[in-house]
C-alpha atoms as a PDB file:
ATOM      1  CA  MET A   1      -0.938   2.511 -12.106  1.00  0.00           C
ATOM      2  CA  LYS A   2      -1.415   5.689 -14.102  1.00  0.00           C
ATOM      3  CA  ALA A   3       1.641   6.805 -16.047  1.00  0.00           C
ATOM      4  CA  GLU A   4       2.001  10.078 -14.145  1.00  0.00           C
ATOM      5  CA  PHE A   5       2.778   8.155 -10.943  1.00  0.00           C
ATOM      6  CA  GLU A   6       5.261   5.629 -12.332  1.00  0.00           C
ATOM      7  CA  ASN A   7       8.385   7.725 -11.754  1.00  0.00           C
ATOM      8  CA  ILE A   8       7.356   9.125  -8.377  1.00  0.00           C
ATOM      9  CA  PRO A   9       9.411   7.482  -5.640  1.00  0.00           C
ATOM     10  CA  LEU A  10       7.830   5.753  -2.673  1.00  0.00           C
ATOM     11  CA  ASN A  11       9.046   7.162   0.632  1.00  0.00           C
ATOM     12  CA  LYS A  12       9.002   5.052   3.779  1.00  0.00           C
ATOM     13  CA  ASN A  13       8.467   7.755   6.383  1.00  0.00           C
ATOM     14  CA  GLU A  14       9.548   5.953   9.545  1.00  0.00           C
ATOM     15  CA  ASP A  15       8.817   8.950  11.801  1.00  0.00           C
ATOM     16  CA  LYS A  16       5.148   9.016  10.767  1.00  0.00           C
ATOM     17  CA  LYS A  17       4.976   5.220  10.207  1.00  0.00           C
ATOM     18  CA  ARG A  18       3.639   5.576   6.707  1.00  0.00           C
ATOM     19  CA  PHE A  19       4.520   4.844   3.107  1.00  0.00           C
ATOM     20  CA  GLU A  20       3.912   7.922   0.998  1.00  0.00           C
ATOM     21  CA  ILE A  21       4.143   9.492  -2.413  1.00  0.00           C
ATOM     22  CA  GLU A  22       4.070  13.199  -3.142  1.00  0.00           C
ATOM     23  CA  TYR A  23       2.315  14.491  -6.249  1.00  0.00           C
ATOM     24  CA  ASN A  24       1.841  18.203  -7.019  1.00  0.00           C
ATOM     25  CA  SER A  25       2.841  19.047  -3.419  1.00  0.00           C
ATOM     26  CA  HIS A  26       0.161  16.754  -1.961  1.00  0.00           C
ATOM     27  CA  PHE A  27       0.471  13.335  -0.325  1.00  0.00           C
ATOM     28  CA  ALA A  28      -1.127   9.925  -0.663  1.00  0.00           C
ATOM     29  CA  PHE A  29      -0.058   7.550   2.093  1.00  0.00           C
ATOM     30  CA  ILE A  30      -0.586   4.262   3.891  1.00  0.00           C
ATOM     31  CA  GLU A  31      -0.077   3.934   7.627  1.00  0.00           C
ATOM     32  CA  TYR A  32       1.734   0.758   8.615  1.00  0.00           C
ATOM     33  CA  LYS A  33       3.091  -1.361  11.465  1.00  0.00           C
ATOM     34  CA  GLU A  34       6.088  -3.606  10.948  1.00  0.00           C
ATOM     35  CA  THR A  35       7.722  -6.628  12.521  1.00  0.00           C
ATOM     36  CA  ARG A  36      10.749  -8.590  11.366  1.00  0.00           C
ATOM     37  CA  GLN A  37       8.573 -10.808   9.154  1.00  0.00           C
ATOM     38  CA  GLN A  38       5.422  -8.824   8.393  1.00  0.00           C
ATOM     39  CA  ILE A  39       4.139  -5.418   7.379  1.00  0.00           C
ATOM     40  CA  ALA A  40       0.566  -4.574   8.338  1.00  0.00           C
ATOM     41  CA  LEU A  41      -1.122  -1.891   6.254  1.00  0.00           C
ATOM     42  CA  ILE A  42      -3.632  -0.068   8.435  1.00  0.00           C
ATOM     43  CA  HIS A  43      -5.081   2.951   6.627  1.00  0.00           C
ATOM     44  CA  THR A  44      -4.779   4.480   3.151  1.00  0.00           C
ATOM     45  CA  GLU A  45      -5.462   8.141   2.537  1.00  0.00           C
ATOM     46  CA  ALA A  46      -4.972  10.739  -0.180  1.00  0.00           C
ATOM     47  CA  GLU A  47      -5.229  14.462   0.456  1.00  0.00           C
ATOM     48  CA  PRO A  48      -8.499  15.913  -0.938  1.00  0.00           C
ATOM     49  CA  GLU A  49      -6.596  17.630  -3.756  1.00  0.00           C
ATOM     50  CA  LEU A  50      -5.646  14.172  -5.089  1.00  0.00           C
ATOM     51  CA  ALA A  51      -9.188  12.773  -5.104  1.00  0.00           C
ATOM     52  CA  GLY A  52      -9.909  10.868  -8.310  1.00  0.00           C
ATOM     53  CA  THR A  53      -6.335  11.068  -9.619  1.00  0.00           C
ATOM     54  CA  GLY A  54      -5.328   7.472  -8.929  1.00  0.00           C
ATOM     55  CA  ALA A  55      -2.797   8.536  -6.290  1.00  0.00           C
ATOM     56  CA  ALA A  56      -4.218   6.183  -3.648  1.00  0.00           C
ATOM     57  CA  ALA A  57      -3.993   3.201  -5.999  1.00  0.00           C
ATOM     58  CA  ALA A  58      -0.455   4.232  -6.946  1.00  0.00           C
ATOM     59  CA  VAL A  59       0.747   4.386  -3.349  1.00  0.00           C
ATOM     60  CA  VAL A  60      -0.831   0.982  -2.704  1.00  0.00           C
ATOM     61  CA  GLU A  61       0.835  -0.614  -5.711  1.00  0.00           C
ATOM     62  CA  LYS A  62       4.231   0.929  -4.919  1.00  0.00           C
ATOM     63  CA  THR A  63       3.926  -0.217  -1.286  1.00  0.00           C
ATOM     64  CA  LEU A  64       3.052  -3.771  -2.356  1.00  0.00           C
ATOM     65  CA  MET A  65       6.140  -3.789  -4.599  1.00  0.00           C
ATOM     66  CA  TYR A  66       8.237  -2.604  -1.659  1.00  0.00           C
ATOM     67  CA  ILE A  67       6.853  -5.352   0.601  1.00  0.00           C
ATOM     68  CA  GLU A  68       7.486  -8.019  -2.016  1.00  0.00           C
ATOM     69  CA  GLU A  69      11.071  -6.821  -2.524  1.00  0.00           C
ATOM     70  CA  SER A  70      11.622  -6.807   1.253  1.00  0.00           C
ATOM     71  CA  GLY A  71      10.685 -10.495   1.478  1.00  0.00           C
ATOM     72  CA  LYS A  72       8.171  -9.769   4.224  1.00  0.00           C
ATOM     73  CA  LYS A  73       4.552 -10.904   4.321  1.00  0.00           C
ATOM     74  CA  LEU A  74       1.601  -8.536   4.111  1.00  0.00           C
ATOM     75  CA  LEU A  75      -1.285  -8.148   6.530  1.00  0.00           C
ATOM     76  CA  PRO A  76      -3.872  -6.059   4.598  1.00  0.00           C
ATOM     77  CA  PHE A  77      -5.997  -4.648   7.437  1.00  0.00           C
ATOM     78  CA  CYS A  78      -6.820  -1.501   5.456  1.00  0.00           C
ATOM     79  CA  PRO A  79     -10.117  -2.023   3.584  1.00  0.00           C
ATOM     80  CA  TYR A  80      -8.795  -0.119   0.540  1.00  0.00           C
ATOM     81  CA  VAL A  81      -5.693  -2.331   0.339  1.00  0.00           C
ATOM     82  CA  PHE A  82      -7.825  -5.443   0.867  1.00  0.00           C
ATOM     83  CA  ALA A  83     -10.131  -4.400  -2.006  1.00  0.00           C
ATOM     84  CA  PHE A  84      -7.131  -3.568  -4.208  1.00  0.00           C
ATOM     85  CA  ILE A  85      -5.701  -7.060  -3.699  1.00  0.00           C
ATOM     86  CA  LYS A  86      -9.080  -8.675  -4.273  1.00  0.00           C
ATOM     87  CA  LYS A  87      -9.316  -6.797  -7.585  1.00  0.00           C
ATOM     88  CA  ASN A  88      -5.645  -7.454  -8.494  1.00  0.00           C
ATOM     89  CA  ASN A  89      -5.496 -11.025  -7.231  1.00  0.00           C
ATOM     90  CA  SER A  90      -1.891 -11.694  -8.248  1.00  0.00           C
ATOM     91  CA  TRP A  91      -0.857  -9.624  -5.197  1.00  0.00           C
ATOM     92  CA  LYS A  92      -2.316 -12.316  -2.942  1.00  0.00           C
ATOM     93  CA  ARG A  93       1.099 -13.969  -3.317  1.00  0.00           C
ATOM     94  CA  ILE A  94       2.577 -11.625  -0.678  1.00  0.00           C
ATOM     95  CA  VAL A  95      -0.289 -11.872   1.837  1.00  0.00           C
ATOM     96  CA  ASP A  96       0.543 -13.907   4.930  1.00  0.00           C
ATOM     97  CA  GLU A  97      -1.425 -17.144   4.663  1.00  0.00           C
ATOM     98  CA  ARG A  98      -2.254 -16.807   8.377  1.00  0.00           C
ATOM     99  CA  PHE A  99      -4.099 -13.530   7.751  1.00  0.00           C
ATOM    100  CA  GLU A 100      -7.593 -14.024   9.169  1.00  0.00           C
ATOM    101  CA  SER A 101      -9.447 -13.080   5.963  1.00  0.00           C
ATOM    102  CA  TYR A 102      -6.976 -14.747   3.566  1.00  0.00           C
ATOM    103  CA  ASP A 103      -9.706 -16.993   2.136  1.00  0.00           C
ATOM    104  CA  LYS A 104     -11.842 -13.953   1.262  1.00  0.00           C
ATOM    105  CA  LEU A 105      -9.223 -12.469  -1.049  1.00  0.00           C
END
């Protein structure tokens, strides 16, 4: 994660069902669904003003840290999150082993 994002807090916006960070008055976020044991990440997006800044990767990494700390298992349905985990394979440790594409990570 780029240094400029390290101290930005992750917000779990339960009304909008998304994890989000705010940077320079713009948002990067991941839409999610949650059960008692799992968090499914559905869609990652950064506002156009954040394109190329690393904000999307930062919100993904912060969200993965949150999921790990929560003790829940991850279902990475979002293609961006899936690719992030494939590239940063140590995060596979929080993916639910029953996830359909687990063997492709």
